[in-house]
Protein backbone atom coordinates (compact mmCIF):
# COMPACT_ATOMS: atom_id res chain seq x y z
CA MET A 1 55.83 -10.87 -9.56
CA GLU A 2 55.66 -10.84 -5.85
CA ALA A 3 53.57 -13.88 -4.44
CA THR A 4 50.08 -12.36 -2.78
CA GLY A 5 49.12 -13.01 0.68
CA THR A 6 46.67 -15.57 -0.40
CA ASP A 7 48.97 -17.33 -1.78
CA GLU A 8 51.91 -17.13 0.99
CA VAL A 9 48.91 -18.37 3.27
CA ASP A 10 48.28 -21.69 1.13
CA LYS A 11 51.92 -22.52 0.95
CA LEU A 12 51.66 -22.01 4.45
CA LYS A 13 49.45 -24.46 4.83
CA THR A 14 50.39 -26.94 2.41
CA LYS A 15 53.63 -26.94 4.21
CA PHE A 16 52.32 -27.42 7.29
CA ALA A 17 49.86 -30.34 6.22
CA SER A 18 52.87 -32.06 4.72
CA ALA A 19 54.84 -32.01 7.74
CA TRP A 20 52.06 -33.00 9.89
CA ASN A 21 51.58 -36.11 7.06
CA ASN A 22 55.56 -36.62 7.15
CA MET A 23 55.11 -37.11 10.56
CA LYS A 24 51.85 -39.51 10.47
CA TYR A 25 52.75 -41.66 8.08
CA SER A 26 56.42 -42.31 8.98
CA TRP A 27 55.91 -44.87 11.82
CA VAL A 28 54.30 -48.17 11.42
CA LEU A 29 52.95 -49.85 14.14
CA LYS A 30 55.13 -53.29 15.10
CA THR A 31 51.95 -55.50 14.44
CA LYS A 32 52.39 -59.37 13.46
CA THR A 33 50.12 -60.91 10.43
CA TYR A 34 49.17 -64.50 11.34
CA PHE A 35 48.87 -67.18 8.93
CA SER A 36 47.11 -70.27 9.36
CA ARG A 37 48.91 -73.50 8.61
CA ASN A 38 45.73 -75.30 7.41
CA SER A 39 44.44 -73.15 4.94
CA PRO A 40 45.83 -72.40 1.50
CA VAL A 41 47.07 -69.42 0.91
CA LEU A 42 46.58 -67.65 -2.88
CA LEU A 43 48.83 -64.96 -4.12
CA LEU A 44 47.96 -64.23 -7.69
CA GLY A 45 47.42 -67.05 -9.03
CA LYS A 46 49.78 -69.51 -7.06
CA CYS A 47 48.73 -71.52 -4.26
CA TYR A 48 50.82 -72.31 -1.11
CA HIS A 49 50.19 -74.43 1.55
CA PHE A 50 51.97 -74.05 5.18
CA LYS A 51 51.34 -77.11 6.62
CA TYR A 52 53.93 -78.93 4.15
CA GLU A 53 57.23 -77.94 4.41
CA ASP A 54 59.11 -80.77 1.88
CA GLU A 55 59.29 -78.92 -1.36
CA ASN A 56 59.24 -81.90 -3.19
CA LYS A 57 56.10 -83.20 -2.30
CA LEU A 58 53.16 -82.64 -4.88
CA LEU A 59 50.76 -80.87 -3.15
CA PRO A 60 46.97 -82.03 -4.01
CA ALA A 61 44.35 -79.85 -4.90
CA ARG A 62 42.30 -78.39 -1.82
CA SER A 63 39.45 -76.07 -0.95
CA GLY A 64 40.44 -72.48 -1.78
CA CYS A 65 43.12 -73.10 -4.62
CA THR A 66 40.62 -73.16 -6.81
CA ILE A 67 42.68 -73.18 -9.69
CA GLU A 68 44.15 -76.60 -9.67
CA ASP A 69 47.25 -76.58 -12.46
CA HIS A 70 48.57 -73.48 -10.17
CA VAL A 71 49.06 -75.32 -6.85
CA ILE A 72 52.67 -75.51 -5.86
CA ALA A 73 54.33 -77.22 -3.18
CA GLY A 74 55.69 -74.23 -1.05
CA ASN A 75 56.71 -73.62 2.40
CA VAL A 76 56.33 -70.70 4.28
CA GLU A 77 60.07 -69.14 2.98
CA GLU A 78 58.79 -69.41 -0.82
CA PHE A 79 55.64 -67.72 -0.15
CA ARG A 80 57.57 -65.22 1.30
CA LYS A 81 60.52 -64.83 -1.42
CA ASP A 82 57.38 -64.62 -3.97
CA PHE A 83 55.15 -61.62 -1.72
CA ILE A 84 58.48 -59.80 -1.42
CA SER A 85 59.18 -59.92 -4.92
CA ARG A 86 56.00 -57.72 -5.72
CA ILE A 87 56.75 -54.10 -5.77
CA TRP A 88 55.73 -51.84 -3.42
CA LEU A 89 54.91 -48.63 -4.05
CA THR A 90 54.62 -46.25 -0.98
CA TYR A 91 54.07 -42.31 0.23
CA ARG A 92 57.30 -40.09 -0.27
CA GLU A 93 58.47 -36.79 0.76
CA GLY A 94 61.66 -34.67 -0.41
CA PHE A 95 60.51 -35.65 -4.21
CA PRO A 96 60.75 -32.71 -6.50
CA GLN A 97 57.70 -30.34 -6.55
CA ILE A 98 54.94 -30.91 -8.26
CA GLU A 99 53.84 -29.01 -10.81
CA GLY A 100 50.73 -26.05 -10.01
CA SER A 101 51.66 -26.93 -6.44
CA ALA A 102 53.50 -26.56 -3.24
CA LEU A 103 53.62 -29.97 -2.95
CA THR A 104 56.58 -32.50 -2.53
CA THR A 105 55.06 -35.42 -0.97
CA ASP A 106 52.04 -37.55 -1.74
CA CYS A 107 51.29 -38.01 2.28
CA GLY A 108 47.58 -38.48 3.20
CA TRP A 109 46.65 -38.56 -0.71
CA GLY A 110 48.01 -40.37 -2.83
CA CYS A 111 47.53 -43.85 -1.88
CA THR A 112 44.99 -44.73 -4.42
CA LEU A 113 47.38 -43.88 -7.40
CA ARG A 114 50.11 -45.54 -5.59
CA THR A 115 47.60 -48.92 -5.28
CA GLY A 116 47.39 -47.96 -8.68
CA GLN A 117 51.32 -48.11 -9.59
CA MET A 118 51.54 -51.68 -8.00
CA LEU A 119 49.32 -53.34 -10.32
CA LEU A 120 50.67 -51.58 -13.48
CA ALA A 121 53.89 -52.69 -11.97
CA GLN A 122 53.12 -56.25 -11.48
CA GLY A 123 51.46 -56.26 -14.83
CA LEU A 124 54.44 -55.22 -16.38
CA ILE A 125 56.68 -58.04 -14.19
CA LEU A 126 54.97 -60.54 -15.91
CA TYR A 127 55.56 -58.74 -19.44
CA PHE A 128 59.18 -58.88 -18.84
CA LEU A 129 59.98 -61.44 -16.29
CA GLY A 130 57.12 -63.48 -15.91
CA ARG A 131 55.43 -64.83 -13.08
CA ALA A 132 57.77 -67.44 -12.17
CA TRP A 133 59.91 -64.66 -11.68
CA THR A 134 61.64 -63.59 -7.80
CA TRP A 135 63.93 -61.26 -7.08
CA PRO A 136 67.35 -63.39 -5.56
CA ASP A 137 67.83 -60.43 -2.73
CA ALA A 138 64.09 -61.08 -1.69
CA LEU A 139 65.17 -62.84 1.79
CA ASN A 140 67.93 -60.59 2.66
CA ILE A 141 65.69 -57.49 3.66
CA GLU A 142 64.14 -56.92 6.27
CA ASN A 143 62.51 -60.18 8.11
CA SER A 144 59.04 -60.87 8.12
CA ASP A 145 58.47 -62.15 11.66
CA SER A 146 60.54 -58.75 12.50
CA GLU A 147 57.77 -57.08 11.00
CA SER A 148 57.50 -54.12 9.17
CA TRP A 149 59.64 -51.31 8.58
CA THR A 150 60.46 -50.23 12.03
CA SER A 151 61.52 -46.43 13.41
CA ASN A 152 65.08 -47.86 12.66
CA THR A 153 64.75 -49.21 9.47
CA VAL A 154 63.31 -45.83 8.54
CA LYS A 155 66.16 -43.98 9.62
CA LYS A 156 68.93 -46.87 8.34
CA PHE A 157 67.29 -45.95 4.64
CA THR A 158 67.21 -42.29 5.13
CA ALA A 159 70.99 -42.10 6.14
CA SER A 160 71.79 -44.01 2.85
CA PHE A 161 69.19 -41.66 0.76
CA GLU A 162 70.88 -38.84 2.00
CA ALA A 163 74.13 -40.52 1.69
CA SER A 164 73.55 -40.95 -2.01
CA LEU A 165 72.36 -37.63 -2.72
CA SER A 166 75.47 -35.94 -1.42
CA GLY A 167 77.60 -37.68 -3.94
CA GLU A 168 78.74 -40.27 -0.99
CA ARG A 169 76.71 -43.42 -2.48
CA GLU A 170 79.53 -44.95 -4.17
CA LEU A 171 81.32 -45.36 -0.43
CA LYS A 172 78.12 -45.67 1.72
CA ILE A 173 75.64 -47.92 0.23
CA SER A 174 75.90 -51.45 -0.73
CA THR A 175 73.50 -52.31 -3.58
CA ILE A 176 73.74 -54.35 -6.67
CA SER A 177 76.21 -52.52 -9.26
CA GLN A 178 76.09 -53.36 -13.27
CA LYS A 179 80.06 -55.39 -12.46
CA GLU A 180 78.60 -56.92 -9.47
CA THR A 181 75.40 -57.88 -11.14
CA VAL A 182 77.55 -60.51 -13.80
CA GLY A 183 79.29 -61.85 -10.88
CA ARG A 184 76.79 -62.30 -8.98
CA TYR A 185 74.52 -63.95 -11.29
CA SER A 186 74.46 -67.45 -13.00
CA ASP A 187 73.82 -66.22 -16.62
CA ASP A 188 72.67 -63.73 -18.87
CA HIS A 189 69.08 -64.99 -18.15
CA GLU A 190 69.55 -63.59 -14.79
CA VAL A 191 71.28 -60.52 -15.62
CA ARG A 192 68.68 -59.69 -17.76
CA ASN A 193 65.76 -60.12 -15.38
CA GLU A 194 67.35 -57.80 -12.91
CA ILE A 195 68.01 -54.96 -15.25
CA TYR A 196 64.53 -55.04 -16.18
CA HIS A 197 63.57 -55.57 -12.66
CA ARG A 198 65.44 -51.83 -12.07
CA LYS A 199 64.34 -50.60 -15.31
CA ILE A 200 60.51 -51.38 -14.41
CA ILE A 201 61.10 -49.55 -10.78
CA SER A 202 62.34 -46.24 -12.59
CA TRP A 203 59.53 -46.02 -14.64
CA PHE A 204 57.70 -45.09 -10.97
CA GLY A 205 60.35 -43.33 -9.63
CA ASP A 206 58.81 -39.77 -8.34
CA SER A 207 60.08 -37.45 -10.86
CA PRO A 208 58.46 -35.52 -14.10
CA SER A 209 60.30 -37.50 -16.57
CA ALA A 210 59.13 -40.98 -14.84
CA LEU A 211 56.96 -42.76 -17.36
CA PHE A 212 54.72 -43.84 -14.60
CA GLY A 213 55.82 -41.65 -11.67
CA LEU A 214 53.32 -40.03 -9.15
CA HIS A 215 54.27 -36.21 -11.56
CA GLN A 216 53.05 -37.62 -15.10
CA LEU A 217 49.94 -39.51 -13.36
CA ILE A 218 48.64 -36.61 -11.47
CA GLU A 219 49.27 -34.62 -15.01
CA TYR A 220 47.01 -37.00 -16.94
CA GLY A 221 44.18 -36.82 -14.34
CA LYS A 222 44.00 -33.23 -14.65
CA THR A 223 41.59 -33.92 -17.37
CA SER A 224 39.05 -35.42 -14.98
CA GLY A 225 39.59 -32.42 -13.05
CA LYS A 226 41.67 -34.22 -10.30
CA LYS A 227 45.06 -32.04 -9.08
CA ALA A 228 47.90 -33.01 -6.29
CA GLY A 229 46.72 -32.60 -3.12
CA ASP A 230 43.09 -34.51 -4.12
CA TRP A 231 41.32 -37.65 -3.24
CA TYR A 232 41.71 -40.02 -6.73
CA GLY A 233 39.11 -43.24 -6.48
CA PRO A 234 39.62 -46.55 -8.25
CA ALA A 235 37.73 -45.88 -11.55
CA VAL A 236 39.72 -42.76 -12.23
CA VAL A 237 42.79 -43.91 -11.77
CA ALA A 238 42.28 -46.88 -14.15
CA HIS A 239 41.71 -44.41 -17.02
CA ILE A 240 44.69 -42.60 -15.97
CA LEU A 241 46.91 -45.58 -16.14
CA ARG A 242 45.80 -46.28 -19.75
CA LYS A 243 46.20 -42.62 -20.65
CA ALA A 244 50.22 -43.04 -19.20
CA VAL A 245 50.96 -46.65 -20.87
CA GLU A 246 49.40 -44.97 -24.46
CA GLU A 247 51.20 -41.99 -24.21
CA ALA A 248 54.45 -43.80 -23.35
CA ARG A 249 57.07 -43.42 -25.92
CA HIS A 250 59.64 -46.18 -24.38
CA PRO A 251 60.73 -48.60 -27.18
CA ASP A 252 60.08 -51.47 -24.49
CA LEU A 253 56.45 -50.68 -24.13
CA GLN A 254 55.70 -50.69 -27.44
CA GLY A 255 54.45 -54.07 -27.32
CA ILE A 256 51.61 -53.58 -24.41
CA THR A 257 48.52 -51.76 -23.85
CA ILE A 258 45.77 -51.15 -21.12
CA TYR A 259 42.10 -51.25 -22.39
CA VAL A 260 39.73 -50.38 -19.39
CA ALA A 261 35.56 -51.64 -19.40
CA GLN A 262 33.24 -49.64 -20.24
CA ASP A 263 31.06 -48.08 -18.06
CA CYS A 264 27.26 -48.11 -19.71
CA THR A 265 24.68 -50.34 -17.77
CA GLY A 266 27.21 -51.89 -16.34
CA GLU A 267 30.70 -53.09 -17.18
CA GLU A 268 31.50 -54.48 -20.30
CA ILE A 269 34.73 -55.76 -22.03
CA TYR A 270 34.29 -55.56 -25.70
CA SER A 271 36.21 -58.07 -27.09
CA SER A 272 36.75 -57.10 -30.49
CA ASP A 273 37.80 -53.96 -29.20
CA VAL A 274 40.44 -55.68 -26.81
CA ILE A 275 41.80 -57.70 -29.55
CA ASP A 276 41.75 -54.06 -31.81
CA LYS A 277 44.41 -52.37 -28.99
CA GLN A 278 46.28 -55.96 -29.07
CA CYS A 279 46.71 -55.78 -32.75
CA ALA A 280 46.96 -52.01 -33.34
CA SER A 281 50.28 -50.73 -34.64
CA MET A 282 51.80 -54.23 -35.20
CA ALA A 283 53.07 -54.79 -38.55
CA SER A 284 50.31 -56.86 -41.20
CA ASP A 285 53.21 -59.43 -41.62
CA ASN A 286 54.02 -60.28 -37.97
CA THR A 287 52.11 -62.74 -36.20
CA ASP A 288 52.19 -61.46 -33.29
CA ASN A 289 50.34 -59.28 -31.04
CA LYS A 290 50.45 -56.78 -28.01
CA ALA A 291 49.84 -57.90 -24.39
CA VAL A 292 47.32 -56.06 -23.20
CA ILE A 293 46.26 -55.16 -19.04
CA ILE A 294 42.57 -55.40 -18.84
CA LEU A 295 41.36 -52.55 -15.96
CA ILE A 296 37.60 -53.28 -15.04
CA PRO A 297 36.05 -50.44 -12.38
CA VAL A 298 33.16 -52.30 -10.63
CA ARG A 299 31.41 -51.80 -7.26
CA LEU A 300 31.01 -54.96 -4.98
CA GLY A 301 27.73 -53.73 -3.13
CA GLY A 302 25.71 -50.65 -2.39
CA GLU A 303 27.11 -48.86 0.84
CA ARG A 304 28.94 -51.79 1.94
CA THR A 305 30.56 -54.67 0.09
CA ASN A 306 28.18 -57.68 0.09
CA MET A 307 29.24 -60.68 1.36
CA ASP A 308 27.95 -62.67 -1.65
CA TYR A 309 30.82 -61.47 -3.37
CA LEU A 310 33.14 -62.95 -1.27
CA ASP A 311 34.09 -66.16 -3.48
CA PHE A 312 34.23 -64.25 -6.69
CA VAL A 313 37.03 -62.00 -5.33
CA LYS A 314 38.92 -65.09 -3.89
CA GLY A 315 38.27 -66.80 -7.71
CA ILE A 316 39.76 -63.84 -9.45
CA LEU A 317 42.88 -64.00 -7.08
CA SER A 318 43.37 -67.22 -7.90
CA LEU A 319 43.63 -66.72 -11.88
CA GLU A 320 47.35 -66.63 -13.65
CA TYR A 321 45.75 -63.70 -15.09
CA CYS A 322 45.25 -61.52 -12.50
CA VAL A 323 47.21 -58.84 -11.90
CA GLY A 324 45.53 -57.71 -8.65
CA ILE A 325 42.97 -55.67 -7.60
CA ILE A 326 43.13 -51.58 -6.77
CA GLY A 327 40.60 -51.62 -3.05
CA GLY A 328 40.90 -50.94 -0.04
CA LYS A 329 38.96 -49.85 3.34
CA PRO A 330 36.98 -46.13 3.17
CA LYS A 331 39.51 -43.36 2.58
CA GLN A 332 42.34 -45.83 2.66
CA SER A 333 43.54 -47.12 -0.51
CA TYR A 334 45.68 -50.82 -0.57
CA TYR A 335 46.42 -53.32 -3.12
CA PHE A 336 44.83 -56.46 -2.75
CA ALA A 337 47.05 -59.09 -4.09
CA GLY A 338 45.76 -62.64 -2.39
CA PHE A 339 43.53 -64.04 0.49
CA GLN A 340 43.80 -66.59 3.07
CA ASP A 341 40.18 -68.00 4.09
CA ASP A 342 37.98 -64.73 4.38
CA SER A 343 40.86 -62.51 4.84
CA LEU A 344 42.41 -60.58 1.87
CA ILE A 345 46.09 -60.29 1.85
CA TYR A 346 47.45 -56.64 0.59
CA MET A 347 50.44 -54.46 0.07
CA ASP A 348 49.79 -51.21 2.10
CA PRO A 349 51.31 -48.08 0.42
CA HIS A 350 50.58 -45.42 3.96
CA TYR A 351 54.23 -45.72 4.95
CA CYS A 352 56.18 -42.51 4.63
CA GLN A 353 59.76 -43.07 2.89
CA SER A 354 62.63 -40.58 1.79
CA PHE A 355 62.84 -39.51 -1.89
CA VAL A 356 65.00 -42.24 -4.13
CA ASP A 357 66.46 -40.58 -6.96
CA VAL A 358 66.32 -43.93 -9.47
CA SER A 359 68.07 -41.52 -12.24
CA ILE A 360 70.94 -42.89 -10.19
CA LYS A 361 73.03 -45.72 -11.47
CA ASP A 362 72.37 -48.91 -9.32
CA PHE A 363 70.03 -46.78 -6.70
CA PRO A 364 68.66 -48.84 -3.89
CA LEU A 365 66.20 -51.68 -3.92
CA GLU A 366 65.31 -51.93 -0.71
CA THR A 367 62.46 -49.82 -0.14
CA PHE A 368 60.49 -51.10 -3.08
CA HIS A 369 60.04 -54.07 -2.01
CA CYS A 370 57.58 -55.00 1.63
CA SER A 371 58.82 -58.17 3.70
CA SER A 372 55.91 -58.23 5.64
CA PRO A 373 52.20 -58.97 4.01
CA LYS A 374 49.15 -57.39 5.95
CA LYS A 375 45.67 -59.21 6.10
CA MET A 376 42.26 -57.79 6.38
CA SER A 377 38.56 -59.32 6.80
CA PHE A 378 36.79 -59.05 3.81
CA ARG A 379 34.20 -57.28 5.52
CA LYS A 380 35.85 -54.57 5.73
CA MET A 381 36.65 -53.75 2.01
CA ASP A 382 35.08 -50.77 0.34
CA PRO A 383 32.80 -51.84 -2.30
CA SER A 384 34.41 -50.30 -4.86
CA CYS A 385 37.73 -51.41 -6.65
CA THR A 386 39.14 -51.72 -10.10
CA ILE A 387 39.98 -55.75 -10.84
CA GLY A 388 43.32 -56.24 -13.18
CA PHE A 389 44.26 -58.58 -15.71
CA TYR A 390 46.78 -59.60 -17.81
CA CYS A 391 46.79 -61.04 -21.24
CA ARG A 392 49.98 -62.00 -23.13
CA ASN A 393 48.58 -62.21 -26.42
CA VAL A 394 45.02 -62.48 -28.52
CA GLN A 395 44.44 -66.20 -27.31
CA ASP A 396 45.67 -65.81 -23.71
CA PHE A 397 42.35 -63.33 -23.95
CA LYS A 398 40.36 -65.59 -25.57
CA ARG A 399 40.96 -68.38 -22.69
CA ALA A 400 41.12 -65.61 -20.14
CA SER A 401 37.61 -64.58 -21.16
CA GLU A 402 36.18 -68.05 -21.01
CA GLU A 403 37.32 -69.01 -17.81
CA ILE A 404 36.86 -65.71 -16.50
CA THR A 405 33.14 -65.77 -17.81
CA LYS A 406 32.59 -69.48 -16.07
CA MET A 407 33.43 -68.20 -12.91
CA LEU A 408 30.93 -64.94 -12.95
CA ARG A 409 28.40 -67.07 -13.78
CA ILE A 410 29.15 -69.46 -10.91
CA SER A 411 29.18 -66.32 -8.49
CA SER A 412 26.39 -64.12 -9.55
CA LYS A 413 23.44 -66.72 -8.91
CA GLU A 414 20.42 -65.06 -8.94
CA LYS A 415 22.25 -61.45 -9.20
CA TYR A 416 23.50 -59.76 -12.38
CA PRO A 417 27.23 -60.23 -13.27
CA LEU A 418 29.50 -58.17 -12.00
CA PHE A 419 31.06 -57.68 -16.04
CA THR A 420 30.41 -59.41 -19.01
CA PHE A 421 32.48 -59.95 -21.88
CA VAL A 422 30.79 -59.01 -24.65
CA ASN A 423 31.00 -59.64 -28.68
CA GLY A 424 32.43 -57.09 -31.37
CA HIS A 425 33.00 -53.70 -30.88
CA SER A 426 31.38 -50.88 -28.31
CA ARG A 427 30.12 -49.24 -31.85
CA ASP A 428 27.99 -52.00 -32.57
CA TYR A 429 26.01 -51.17 -29.29
CA ASP A 430 25.31 -47.42 -30.36
CA PHE A 431 28.33 -46.07 -27.91
CA THR A 432 30.98 -43.84 -28.43
CA SER A 433 34.15 -45.10 -29.79
CA ALA A 434 36.97 -45.56 -27.49
CA THR A 435 39.34 -44.08 -29.95
CA THR A 436 41.02 -41.07 -29.20
CA ASN A 437 41.22 -37.48 -30.16
CA GLU A 438 45.62 -36.69 -31.17
CA GLU A 439 44.96 -33.26 -29.71
CA ASP A 440 43.77 -34.15 -26.58
CA LEU A 441 44.57 -36.26 -24.25
CA PHE A 442 41.23 -37.80 -23.65
CA SER A 443 38.71 -38.11 -25.65
CA GLU A 444 35.31 -36.03 -25.13
CA GLU A 445 33.69 -39.44 -24.04
CA GLU A 446 36.55 -40.30 -21.85
CA LYS A 447 36.12 -36.66 -20.11
CA LYS A 448 32.65 -36.62 -19.33
CA ARG A 449 33.51 -40.08 -18.15
CA LEU A 450 36.24 -39.18 -15.82
CA LYS A 451 34.06 -35.82 -14.65
CA ARG A 452 31.79 -38.13 -13.51
CA PHE A 453 33.90 -40.91 -11.71
CA SER A 454 35.61 -37.72 -10.00
CA THR A 455 32.56 -36.23 -8.30
CA GLU A 456 32.41 -39.60 -6.43
CA GLU A 457 34.23 -40.48 -3.25
CA PHE A 458 35.33 -44.09 -2.53
CA VAL A 459 32.33 -45.05 -1.06
CA LEU A 460 28.68 -43.57 -2.24
CA LEU A 461 26.28 -42.59 0.63
């Protein structure tokens, strides 16, 4: 059946918009990010102080390092290696067409989905590799002193990707092969870590089969009234990520789940609901339980972010349990992973890179790691965001909830806390149970909630 004239016009509009966005987001301004040597830098629960270069020197707790147990001796290179090891997911172009659309790129609209992917990726790193893990090749990619991805870097990697798709990659791309991996790393543990490093990245590939790829996330978002090309807010993305993890059938992922805080009269985390999720589907004679990623959509003010929440956000990013924040500026989503003084440290998804086929053996890893941390004043932060925590088991969750509750009491002062941990189940408070209908992707209550979220912009006016 031939397409109508209207369909052809829509396709042309889509192609024009895609071409414009690809050009707009394929260039990165060569700007430097400066860090003070006089203030600590916090990155997902780890504290670095650039003033001291002696790696063996034990540093005392200092202002800003709120978790004393996680204050570590560290120099600039250690921080860079830690930051670069986080998984970076950005706009891509040239990937397989998204079903129900003519789109082969997410440039200009997919940034919140990308930041959600980065938060989930950090949770999976903690689950499979642990917080101490760093990528051995982290310092071999583009030096942060020469800044982000320059045009030459983009061209270099684009050529590599084109070579991989033309069947010439074995000759032209020098990446880690399975044989090289075995010879490259000193023991079986390091080999295992590199295998899981690659596996985690592959789950976020830009193809319909990738478990947490853009195509799958968009499919789950349809229930909230969203489609490819629409704007996704941080609250909607939290629910989409939960459903994506629940629907994943990979055997490696059966020991992890996601809980999204209830949005009743303020965000509430029902402890028994979380524990039920952690214990679900576990054998009765098995004392182990599931790890959980807790996602809490919150607002840090009205039209603008309230500066009274600065210490709270800094405290959250100082916790060992934190996996980051899906946030940003109005209409620009960033993945917040740390801070220095009153500036947030983030990873930016607004770079258009070429599609990488992660199904190819030993696909190149370089563009999934960012060499240049960015900083932004807390004052510029959009008030809508989703906070993420990771707890490896029930005992970890209980410890985390106690620690976070103490922080909430201190930070709330005369205000109501942003969220609370409540004993019992949500149904005990006459709210609909979070159980889902197997015939539906979301329960009726969840559909109502998602549709309400989907009508909200990043900033409520």
